[in-house]
All heavy atoms as atom14 arrays in JSON, in Angstrom:
{
  "sequence": "GRFTISRDNAKNTVYLQMNSLKPEDTAVYFCKVDRFAVSYWGQGT",
  "atom14_mask": [
    [1, 1, 1, 1, 0, 0, 0, 0, 0, 0, 0, 0, 0, 0],
    [1, 1, 1, 1, 1, 1, 1, 1, 1, 1, 1, 0, 0, 0],
    [1, 1, 1, 1, 1, 1, 1, 1, 1, 1, 1, 0, 0, 0],
    [1, 1, 1, 1, 1, 1, 1, 0, 0, 0, 0, 0, 0, 0],
    [1, 1, 1, 1, 1, 1, 1, 1, 0, 0, 0, 0, 0, 0],
    [1, 1, 1, 1, 1, 1, 0, 0, 0, 0, 0, 0, 0, 0],
    [1, 1, 1, 1, 1, 1, 1, 1, 1, 1, 1, 0, 0, 0],
    [1, 1, 1, 1, 1, 1, 1, 1, 0, 0, 0, 0, 0, 0],
    [1, 1, 1, 1, 1, 1, 1, 1, 0, 0, 0, 0, 0, 0],
    [1, 1, 1, 1, 1, 0, 0, 0, 0, 0, 0, 0, 0, 0],
    [1, 1, 1, 1, 1, 1, 1, 1, 1, 0, 0, 0, 0, 0],
    [1, 1, 1, 1, 1, 1, 1, 1, 0, 0, 0, 0, 0, 0],
    [1, 1, 1, 1, 1, 1, 1, 0, 0, 0, 0, 0, 0, 0],
    [1, 1, 1, 1, 1, 1, 1, 0, 0, 0, 0, 0, 0, 0],
    [1, 1, 1, 1, 1, 1, 1, 1, 1, 1, 1, 1, 0, 0],
    [1, 1, 1, 1, 1, 1, 1, 1, 0, 0, 0, 0, 0, 0],
    [1, 1, 1, 1, 1, 1, 1, 1, 1, 0, 0, 0, 0, 0],
    [1, 1, 1, 1, 1, 1, 1, 1, 0, 0, 0, 0, 0, 0],
    [1, 1, 1, 1, 1, 1, 1, 1, 0, 0, 0, 0, 0, 0],
    [1, 1, 1, 1, 1, 1, 0, 0, 0, 0, 0, 0, 0, 0],
    [1, 1, 1, 1, 1, 1, 1, 1, 0, 0, 0, 0, 0, 0],
    [1, 1, 1, 1, 1, 1, 1, 1, 1, 0, 0, 0, 0, 0],
    [1, 1, 1, 1, 1, 1, 1, 0, 0, 0, 0, 0, 0, 0],
    [1, 1, 1, 1, 1, 1, 1, 1, 1, 0, 0, 0, 0, 0],
    [1, 1, 1, 1, 1, 1, 1, 1, 0, 0, 0, 0, 0, 0],
    [1, 1, 1, 1, 1, 1, 1, 0, 0, 0, 0, 0, 0, 0],
    [1, 1, 1, 1, 1, 0, 0, 0, 0, 0, 0, 0, 0, 0],
    [1, 1, 1, 1, 1, 1, 1, 0, 0, 0, 0, 0, 0, 0],
    [1, 1, 1, 1, 1, 1, 1, 1, 1, 1, 1, 1, 0, 0],
    [1, 1, 1, 1, 1, 1, 1, 1, 1, 1, 1, 0, 0, 0],
    [1, 1, 1, 1, 1, 1, 0, 0, 0, 0, 0, 0, 0, 0],
    [1, 1, 1, 1, 1, 1, 1, 1, 1, 0, 0, 0, 0, 0],
    [1, 1, 1, 1, 1, 1, 1, 0, 0, 0, 0, 0, 0, 0],
    [1, 1, 1, 1, 1, 1, 1, 1, 0, 0, 0, 0, 0, 0],
    [1, 1, 1, 1, 1, 1, 1, 1, 1, 1, 1, 0, 0, 0],
    [1, 1, 1, 1, 1, 1, 1, 1, 1, 1, 1, 0, 0, 0],
    [1, 1, 1, 1, 1, 0, 0, 0, 0, 0, 0, 0, 0, 0],
    [1, 1, 1, 1, 1, 1, 1, 0, 0, 0, 0, 0, 0, 0],
    [1, 1, 1, 1, 1, 1, 0, 0, 0, 0, 0, 0, 0, 0],
    [1, 1, 1, 1, 1, 1, 1, 1, 1, 1, 1, 1, 0, 0],
    [1, 1, 1, 1, 1, 1, 1, 1, 1, 1, 1, 1, 1, 1],
    [1, 1, 1, 1, 0, 0, 0, 0, 0, 0, 0, 0, 0, 0],
    [1, 1, 1, 1, 1, 1, 1, 1, 1, 0, 0, 0, 0, 0],
    [1, 1, 1, 1, 0, 0, 0, 0, 0, 0, 0, 0, 0, 0],
    [1, 1, 1, 1, 1, 1, 1, 0, 0, 0, 0, 0, 0, 0]
  ],
  "atom14_positions": [
    [[0.79, -1.23, 0.0], [-0.02, 0.02, 0.0], [0.83, 1.26, 0.01], [0.31, 2.34, -0.26], [0.0, 0.0, 0.0], [0.0, 0.0, 0.0], [0.0, 0.0, 0.0], [0.0, 0.0, 0.0], [0.0, 0.0, 0.0], [0.0, 0.0, 0.0], [0.0, 0.0, 0.0], [0.0, 0.0, 0.0], [0.0, 0.0, 0.0], [0.0, 0.0, 0.0]],
    [[2.11, 1.17, 0.29], [3.0, 2.32, 0.3], [4.06, 2.25, -0.82], [4.46, 3.28, -1.36], [3.71, 2.44, 1.67], [2.8, 2.57, 2.85], [3.57, 2.88, 4.12], [4.5, 1.79, 4.48], [5.8, 1.95, 4.65], [6.35, 3.12, 4.52], [6.55, 0.87, 5.03], [0.0, 0.0, 0.0], [0.0, 0.0, 0.0], [0.0, 0.0, 0.0]],
    [[4.55, 1.06, -1.13], [5.6, 0.9, -2.11], [4.98, 0.29, -3.39], [4.07, -0.52, -3.3], [6.69, -0.04, -1.61], [7.54, 0.53, -0.52], [7.18, 1.71, 0.15], [8.71, -0.12, -0.09], [7.98, 2.21, 1.18], [9.49, 0.39, 0.92], [9.11, 1.54, 1.59], [0.0, 0.0, 0.0], [0.0, 0.0, 0.0], [0.0, 0.0, 0.0]],
    [[5.57, 0.6, -4.52], [5.15, 0.02, -5.81], [6.42, -0.4, -6.59], [7.28, 0.44, -6.82], [4.34, 0.99, -6.63], [3.2, 1.42, -5.85], [3.89, 0.35, -7.93], [0.0, 0.0, 0.0], [0.0, 0.0, 0.0], [0.0, 0.0, 0.0], [0.0, 0.0, 0.0], [0.0, 0.0, 0.0], [0.0, 0.0, 0.0], [0.0, 0.0, 0.0]],
    [[6.45, -1.66, -6.99], [7.55, -2.13, -7.82], [7.09, -2.17, -9.28], [5.92, -2.49, -9.57], [8.01, -3.51, -7.38], [9.28, -3.95, -8.1], [6.93, -4.58, -7.5], [9.95, -5.24, -7.53], [0.0, 0.0, 0.0], [0.0, 0.0, 0.0], [0.0, 0.0, 0.0], [0.0, 0.0, 0.0], [0.0, 0.0, 0.0], [0.0, 0.0, 0.0]],
    [[7.95, -1.79, -10.19], [7.6, -1.79, -11.62], [8.85, -2.08, -12.41], [9.95, -2.05, -11.86], [6.97, -0.45, -12.01], [7.92, 0.63, -11.83], [0.0, 0.0, 0.0], [0.0, 0.0, 0.0], [0.0, 0.0, 0.0], [0.0, 0.0, 0.0], [0.0, 0.0, 0.0], [0.0, 0.0, 0.0], [0.0, 0.0, 0.0], [0.0, 0.0, 0.0]],
    [[8.68, -2.33, -13.69], [9.82, -2.62, -14.53], [9.68, -1.97, -15.9], [8.54, -1.76, -16.36], [10.0, -4.16, -14.72], [8.84, -4.84, -15.41], [8.9, -6.37, -15.18], [10.22, -6.94, -15.61], [10.71, -8.05, -15.17], [10.02, -8.76, -14.27], [11.85, -8.48, -15.59], [0.0, 0.0, 0.0], [0.0, 0.0, 0.0], [0.0, 0.0, 0.0]],
    [[10.78, -1.64, -16.48], [10.82, -1.12, -17.86], [11.81, -2.03, -18.6], [13.05, -1.8, -18.49], [11.27, 0.35, -17.88], [11.23, 0.98, -19.25], [11.33, 0.22, -20.24], [11.15, 2.21, -19.33], [0.0, 0.0, 0.0], [0.0, 0.0, 0.0], [0.0, 0.0, 0.0], [0.0, 0.0, 0.0], [0.0, 0.0, 0.0], [0.0, 0.0, 0.0]],
    [[11.32, -2.97, -19.33], [12.2, -3.95, -19.95], [13.03, -3.31, -21.07], [14.16, -3.74, -21.3], [11.37, -5.12, -20.53], [10.76, -5.98, -19.45], [11.29, -6.0, -18.33], [9.7, -6.66, -19.75], [0.0, 0.0, 0.0], [0.0, 0.0, 0.0], [0.0, 0.0, 0.0], [0.0, 0.0, 0.0], [0.0, 0.0, 0.0], [0.0, 0.0, 0.0]],
    [[12.52, -2.28, -21.71], [13.28, -1.6, -22.73], [14.56, -0.98, -22.16], [15.59, -0.87, -22.82], [12.43, -0.56, -23.42], [0.0, 0.0, 0.0], [0.0, 0.0, 0.0], [0.0, 0.0, 0.0], [0.0, 0.0, 0.0], [0.0, 0.0, 0.0], [0.0, 0.0, 0.0], [0.0, 0.0, 0.0], [0.0, 0.0, 0.0], [0.0, 0.0, 0.0]],
    [[14.45, -0.53, -20.92], [15.62, 0.11, -20.23], [16.33, -0.93, -19.35], [17.34, -0.55, -18.69], [15.16, 1.29, -19.4], [14.57, 2.44, -20.21], [14.22, 3.63, -19.32], [13.68, 4.77, -20.18], [13.3, 5.95, -19.35], [0.0, 0.0, 0.0], [0.0, 0.0, 0.0], [0.0, 0.0, 0.0], [0.0, 0.0, 0.0], [0.0, 0.0, 0.0]],
    [[15.82, -2.12, -19.29], [16.43, -3.16, -18.44], [16.58, -2.65, -16.99], [17.64, -2.84, -16.37], [17.79, -3.6, -19.0], [18.06, -5.1, -18.74], [17.13, -5.9, -18.6], [19.31, -5.47, -18.75], [0.0, 0.0, 0.0], [0.0, 0.0, 0.0], [0.0, 0.0, 0.0], [0.0, 0.0, 0.0], [0.0, 0.0, 0.0], [0.0, 0.0, 0.0]],
    [[15.54, -2.08, -16.51], [15.55, -1.42, -15.2], [14.27, -1.76, -14.45], [13.21, -1.85, -15.01], [15.65, 0.1, -15.38], [16.88, 0.44, -16.09], [15.66, 0.81, -14.02], [0.0, 0.0, 0.0], [0.0, 0.0, 0.0], [0.0, 0.0, 0.0], [0.0, 0.0, 0.0], [0.0, 0.0, 0.0], [0.0, 0.0, 0.0], [0.0, 0.0, 0.0]],
    [[14.45, -1.98, -13.15], [13.31, -2.16, -12.21], [13.34, -1.01, -11.2], [14.4, -0.6, -10.77], [13.41, -3.53, -11.52], [12.41, -3.65, -10.44], [13.3, -4.64, -12.55], [0.0, 0.0, 0.0], [0.0, 0.0, 0.0], [0.0, 0.0, 0.0], [0.0, 0.0, 0.0], [0.0, 0.0, 0.0], [0.0, 0.0, 0.0], [0.0, 0.0, 0.0]],
    [[12.15, -0.59, -10.82], [11.96, 0.56, -9.97], [11.27, 0.15, -8.69], [10.53, -0.79, -8.64], [11.19, 1.68, -10.65], [11.76, 2.12, -11.98], [11.27, 1.61, -13.18], [12.8, 3.02, -12.0], [11.8, 2.01, -14.39], [13.35, 3.45, -13.22], [12.83, 2.92, -14.39], [13.37, 3.31, -15.61], [0.0, 0.0, 0.0], [0.0, 0.0, 0.0]],
    [[11.49, 0.95, -7.65], [10.72, 0.82, -6.41], [10.29, 2.23, -5.98], [11.15, 3.02, -5.54], [11.55, 0.15, -5.32], [10.76, -0.16, -4.04], [9.73, -1.25, -4.28], [11.76, -0.58, -2.93], [0.0, 0.0, 0.0], [0.0, 0.0, 0.0], [0.0, 0.0, 0.0], [0.0, 0.0, 0.0], [0.0, 0.0, 0.0], [0.0, 0.0, 0.0]],
    [[9.04, 2.53, -6.17], [8.48, 3.82, -5.73], [8.08, 3.65, -4.27], [7.26, 2.77, -3.94], [7.28, 4.19, -6.59], [6.62, 5.49, -6.15], [7.45, 6.72, -6.36], [8.14, 6.83, -7.38], [7.45, 7.59, -5.37], [0.0, 0.0, 0.0], [0.0, 0.0, 0.0], [0.0, 0.0, 0.0], [0.0, 0.0, 0.0], [0.0, 0.0, 0.0]],
    [[8.63, 4.48, -3.44], [8.37, 4.37, -1.98], [7.69, 5.64, -1.52], [8.3, 6.73, -1.61], [9.72, 4.17, -1.24], [10.51, 2.98, -1.77], [11.94, 2.61, -0.75], [12.89, 4.1, -0.97], [0.0, 0.0, 0.0], [0.0, 0.0, 0.0], [0.0, 0.0, 0.0], [0.0, 0.0, 0.0], [0.0, 0.0, 0.0], [0.0, 0.0, 0.0]],
    [[6.49, 5.52, -1.06], [5.7, 6.64, -0.55], [5.45, 6.46, 0.93], [5.57, 5.35, 1.47], [4.37, 6.77, -1.32], [4.6, 7.02, -2.81], [5.55, 7.66, -3.22], [3.65, 6.51, -3.61], [0.0, 0.0, 0.0], [0.0, 0.0, 0.0], [0.0, 0.0, 0.0], [0.0, 0.0, 0.0], [0.0, 0.0, 0.0], [0.0, 0.0, 0.0]],
    [[5.05, 7.52, 1.57], [4.67, 7.5, 2.97], [5.79, 6.82, 3.79], [5.5, 5.91, 4.64], [3.35, 6.76, 3.22], [2.33, 7.42, 2.47], [0.0, 0.0, 0.0], [0.0, 0.0, 0.0], [0.0, 0.0, 0.0], [0.0, 0.0, 0.0], [0.0, 0.0, 0.0], [0.0, 0.0, 0.0], [0.0, 0.0, 0.0], [0.0, 0.0, 0.0]],
    [[6.99, 7.2, 3.57], [8.13, 6.59, 4.23], [8.1, 6.77, 5.73], [7.66, 7.84, 6.22], [9.45, 7.07, 3.62], [9.79, 6.46, 2.28], [10.78, 7.31, 1.53], [10.3, 5.05, 2.46], [0.0, 0.0, 0.0], [0.0, 0.0, 0.0], [0.0, 0.0, 0.0], [0.0, 0.0, 0.0], [0.0, 0.0, 0.0], [0.0, 0.0, 0.0]],
    [[8.58, 5.76, 6.44], [8.62, 5.79, 7.89], [10.07, 5.63, 8.36], [10.89, 5.04, 7.61], [7.8, 4.65, 8.45], [6.37, 4.63, 7.99], [5.66, 3.32, 8.49], [4.22, 3.27, 8.02], [3.54, 2.03, 8.49], [0.0, 0.0, 0.0], [0.0, 0.0, 0.0], [0.0, 0.0, 0.0], [0.0, 0.0, 0.0], [0.0, 0.0, 0.0]],
    [[10.4, 6.09, 9.55], [11.77, 5.85, 10.02], [12.21, 4.41, 10.01], [13.39, 4.11, 9.74], [11.72, 6.43, 11.47], [10.63, 7.47, 11.41], [9.61, 6.92, 10.43], [0.0, 0.0, 0.0], [0.0, 0.0, 0.0], [0.0, 0.0, 0.0], [0.0, 0.0, 0.0], [0.0, 0.0, 0.0], [0.0, 0.0, 0.0], [0.0, 0.0, 0.0]],
    [[11.29, 3.52, 10.21], [11.63, 2.09, 10.2], [11.94, 1.56, 8.82], [12.34, 0.39, 8.65], [10.51, 1.24, 10.85], [9.12, 1.5, 10.37], [8.36, 2.48, 11.21], [8.95, 3.52, 11.64], [7.14, 2.21, 11.43], [0.0, 0.0, 0.0], [0.0, 0.0, 0.0], [0.0, 0.0, 0.0], [0.0, 0.0, 0.0], [0.0, 0.0, 0.0]],
    [[11.72, 2.35, 7.78], [12.13, 1.97, 6.44], [13.6, 2.24, 6.17], [14.13, 1.9, 5.12], [11.29, 2.73, 5.39], [9.81, 2.37, 5.42], [9.51, 1.15, 5.56], [8.97, 3.27, 5.27], [0.0, 0.0, 0.0], [0.0, 0.0, 0.0], [0.0, 0.0, 0.0], [0.0, 0.0, 0.0], [0.0, 0.0, 0.0], [0.0, 0.0, 0.0]],
    [[14.26, 2.83, 7.12], [15.71, 3.13, 6.99], [16.48, 1.85, 6.84], [16.36, 0.93, 7.66], [16.23, 3.93, 8.2], [15.58, 5.2, 8.22], [17.73, 4.1, 8.15], [0.0, 0.0, 0.0], [0.0, 0.0, 0.0], [0.0, 0.0, 0.0], [0.0, 0.0, 0.0], [0.0, 0.0, 0.0], [0.0, 0.0, 0.0], [0.0, 0.0, 0.0]],
    [[17.22, 1.75, 5.75], [17.96, 0.53, 5.45], [18.77, 0.73, 4.15], [18.59, 1.73, 3.49], [17.03, -0.67, 5.24], [0.0, 0.0, 0.0], [0.0, 0.0, 0.0], [0.0, 0.0, 0.0], [0.0, 0.0, 0.0], [0.0, 0.0, 0.0], [0.0, 0.0, 0.0], [0.0, 0.0, 0.0], [0.0, 0.0, 0.0], [0.0, 0.0, 0.0]],
    [[19.63, -0.24, 3.89], [20.23, -0.31, 2.55], [19.33, -1.2, 1.69], [18.95, -2.3, 2.12], [21.66, -0.9, 2.62], [22.25, -0.96, 1.2], [22.54, -0.05, 3.5], [0.0, 0.0, 0.0], [0.0, 0.0, 0.0], [0.0, 0.0, 0.0], [0.0, 0.0, 0.0], [0.0, 0.0, 0.0], [0.0, 0.0, 0.0], [0.0, 0.0, 0.0]],
    [[18.98, -0.7, 0.57], [18.08, -1.39, -0.36], [18.87, -2.01, -1.5], [19.69, -1.31, -2.13], [17.03, -0.44, -0.9], [15.95, -0.17, 0.16], [16.25, 0.67, 1.24], [14.67, -0.67, 0.04], [15.26, 0.92, 2.2], [13.68, -0.43, 0.99], [14.01, 0.39, 2.08], [13.04, 0.64, 3.05], [0.0, 0.0, 0.0], [0.0, 0.0, 0.0]],
    [[18.58, -3.27, -1.77], [19.3, -4.04, -2.81], [18.3, -4.62, -3.81], [17.19, -4.93, -3.45], [20.04, -5.23, -2.2], [21.04, -4.92, -1.14], [20.67, -4.78, 0.19], [22.42, -4.74, -1.45], [21.59, -4.47, 1.17], [23.32, -4.43, -0.49], [22.93, -4.3, 0.84], [0.0, 0.0, 0.0], [0.0, 0.0, 0.0], [0.0, 0.0, 0.0]],
    [[18.74, -4.77, -5.02], [17.94, -5.54, -5.98], [18.7, -6.84, -6.27], [19.92, -6.96, -6.1], [17.68, -4.76, -7.28], [19.15, -4.22, -8.16], [0.0, 0.0, 0.0], [0.0, 0.0, 0.0], [0.0, 0.0, 0.0], [0.0, 0.0, 0.0], [0.0, 0.0, 0.0], [0.0, 0.0, 0.0], [0.0, 0.0, 0.0], [0.0, 0.0, 0.0]],
    [[17.86, -7.85, -6.69], [18.43, -9.17, -6.92], [17.72, -9.83, -8.08], [16.49, -9.7, -8.25], [18.26, -10.06, -5.69], [18.83, -11.46, -5.86], [18.6, -12.33, -4.62], [17.21, -12.88, -4.53], [16.96, -14.03, -5.4], [0.0, 0.0, 0.0], [0.0, 0.0, 0.0], [0.0, 0.0, 0.0], [0.0, 0.0, 0.0], [0.0, 0.0, 0.0]],
    [[18.51, -10.54, -8.87], [17.97, -11.34, -9.95], [18.7, -12.68, -9.95], [19.88, -12.74, -9.62], [18.07, -10.62, -11.3], [19.51, -10.45, -11.71], [17.27, -11.34, -12.38], [0.0, 0.0, 0.0], [0.0, 0.0, 0.0], [0.0, 0.0, 0.0], [0.0, 0.0, 0.0], [0.0, 0.0, 0.0], [0.0, 0.0, 0.0], [0.0, 0.0, 0.0]],
    [[18.02, -13.72, -10.31], [18.59, -15.09, -10.38], [18.7, -15.53, -11.82], [17.8, -15.26, -12.65], [17.74, -16.08, -9.61], [17.7, -15.77, -8.11], [18.65, -15.17, -7.62], [16.7, -16.09, -7.47], [0.0, 0.0, 0.0], [0.0, 0.0, 0.0], [0.0, 0.0, 0.0], [0.0, 0.0, 0.0], [0.0, 0.0, 0.0], [0.0, 0.0, 0.0]],
    [[19.78, -16.23, -12.11], [19.94, -16.86, -13.42], [20.69, -18.15, -13.22], [21.76, -18.13, -12.66], [20.7, -15.92, -14.35], [20.8, -16.47, -15.77], [21.46, -15.5, -16.74], [22.9, -15.43, -16.48], [23.72, -14.67, -17.19], [23.26, -14.0, -18.22], [25.0, -14.6, -16.89], [0.0, 0.0, 0.0], [0.0, 0.0, 0.0], [0.0, 0.0, 0.0]],
    [[20.08, -19.24, -13.68], [20.68, -20.54, -13.59], [21.17, -20.85, -12.16], [22.27, -21.28, -11.91], [21.93, -20.67, -14.55], [21.55, -20.38, -15.98], [22.35, -19.54, -16.72], [20.45, -20.93, -16.59], [22.08, -19.25, -18.06], [20.12, -20.65, -17.9], [20.94, -19.8, -18.65], [0.0, 0.0, 0.0], [0.0, 0.0, 0.0], [0.0, 0.0, 0.0]],
    [[20.27, -20.6, -11.23], [20.48, -20.9, -9.79], [21.58, -20.05, -9.16], [22.03, -20.31, -8.06], [20.77, -22.37, -9.59], [0.0, 0.0, 0.0], [0.0, 0.0, 0.0], [0.0, 0.0, 0.0], [0.0, 0.0, 0.0], [0.0, 0.0, 0.0], [0.0, 0.0, 0.0], [0.0, 0.0, 0.0], [0.0, 0.0, 0.0], [0.0, 0.0, 0.0]],
    [[21.99, -18.98, -9.84], [22.95, -18.06, -9.28], [22.26, -16.72, -9.01], [21.56, -16.22, -9.87], [24.15, -17.82, -10.23], [25.1, -16.76, -9.65], [24.88, -19.14, -10.48], [0.0, 0.0, 0.0], [0.0, 0.0, 0.0], [0.0, 0.0, 0.0], [0.0, 0.0, 0.0], [0.0, 0.0, 0.0], [0.0, 0.0, 0.0], [0.0, 0.0, 0.0]],
    [[22.44, -16.18, -7.81], [21.81, -14.91, -7.46], [22.83, -13.77, -7.68], [23.98, -13.85, -7.28], [21.38, -14.91, -6.01], [20.35, -15.87, -5.79], [0.0, 0.0, 0.0], [0.0, 0.0, 0.0], [0.0, 0.0, 0.0], [0.0, 0.0, 0.0], [0.0, 0.0, 0.0], [0.0, 0.0, 0.0], [0.0, 0.0, 0.0], [0.0, 0.0, 0.0]],
    [[22.33, -12.71, -8.3], [23.15, -11.53, -8.53], [22.53, -10.37, -7.77], [21.31, -10.11, -7.85], [23.19, -11.21, -10.06], [23.87, -12.27, -10.86], [23.13, -13.3, -11.45], [25.25, -12.27, -11.04], [23.73, -14.26, -12.18], [25.86, -13.28, -11.77], [25.09, -14.29, -12.32], [25.72, -15.26, -13.08], [0.0, 0.0, 0.0], [0.0, 0.0, 0.0]],
    [[23.38, -9.68, -7.02], [22.98, -8.56, -6.19], [23.68, -7.29, -6.63], [24.84, -7.33, -7.08], [23.34, -8.83, -4.74], [22.61, -9.95, -4.1], [23.01, -11.27, -4.12], [21.48, -9.9, -3.31], [22.11, -12.04, -3.41], [21.16, -11.22, -2.87], [20.61, -8.87, -2.89], [20.06, -11.5, -2.06], [19.5, -9.18, -2.09], [19.23, -10.48, -1.71]],
    [[23.01, -6.17, -6.43], [23.66, -4.88, -6.61], [24.4, -4.52, -5.33], [24.39, -5.29, -4.31], [0.0, 0.0, 0.0], [0.0, 0.0, 0.0], [0.0, 0.0, 0.0], [0.0, 0.0, 0.0], [0.0, 0.0, 0.0], [0.0, 0.0, 0.0], [0.0, 0.0, 0.0], [0.0, 0.0, 0.0], [0.0, 0.0, 0.0], [0.0, 0.0, 0.0]],
    [[25.03, -3.36, -5.31], [25.82, -2.91, -4.19], [24.95, -2.27, -3.12], [25.44, -2.06, -2.0], [26.93, -1.94, -4.64], [26.47, -0.48, -4.82], [25.54, -0.27, -6.02], [25.41, -1.14, -6.86], [24.88, 0.91, -6.06], [0.0, 0.0, 0.0], [0.0, 0.0, 0.0], [0.0, 0.0, 0.0], [0.0, 0.0, 0.0], [0.0, 0.0, 0.0]],
    [[23.77, -1.92, -3.47], [22.81, -1.33, -2.51], [22.79, 0.18, -2.57], [23.8, 0.81, -2.98], [0.0, 0.0, 0.0], [0.0, 0.0, 0.0], [0.0, 0.0, 0.0], [0.0, 0.0, 0.0], [0.0, 0.0, 0.0], [0.0, 0.0, 0.0], [0.0, 0.0, 0.0], [0.0, 0.0, 0.0], [0.0, 0.0, 0.0], [0.0, 0.0, 0.0]],
    [[21.71, 0.74, -2.1], [21.59, 2.19, -1.98], [20.93, 2.51, -0.65], [19.97, 1.87, -0.25], [20.75, 2.79, -3.15], [20.76, 4.21, -3.09], [19.32, 2.3, -3.19], [0.0, 0.0, 0.0], [0.0, 0.0, 0.0], [0.0, 0.0, 0.0], [0.0, 0.0, 0.0], [0.0, 0.0, 0.0], [0.0, 0.0, 0.0], [0.0, 0.0, 0.0]]
  ]
}
């Protein structure tokens, strides 16, 4: 109800729209994708 995930395949990008943020949302956020049983992570933001 607060966050929305979406994707733009043409840009090969996934988004996370975060609204009504709370102090407890404070964290490092990572994206992940799996291929052939291997998980790939970003460095986080």
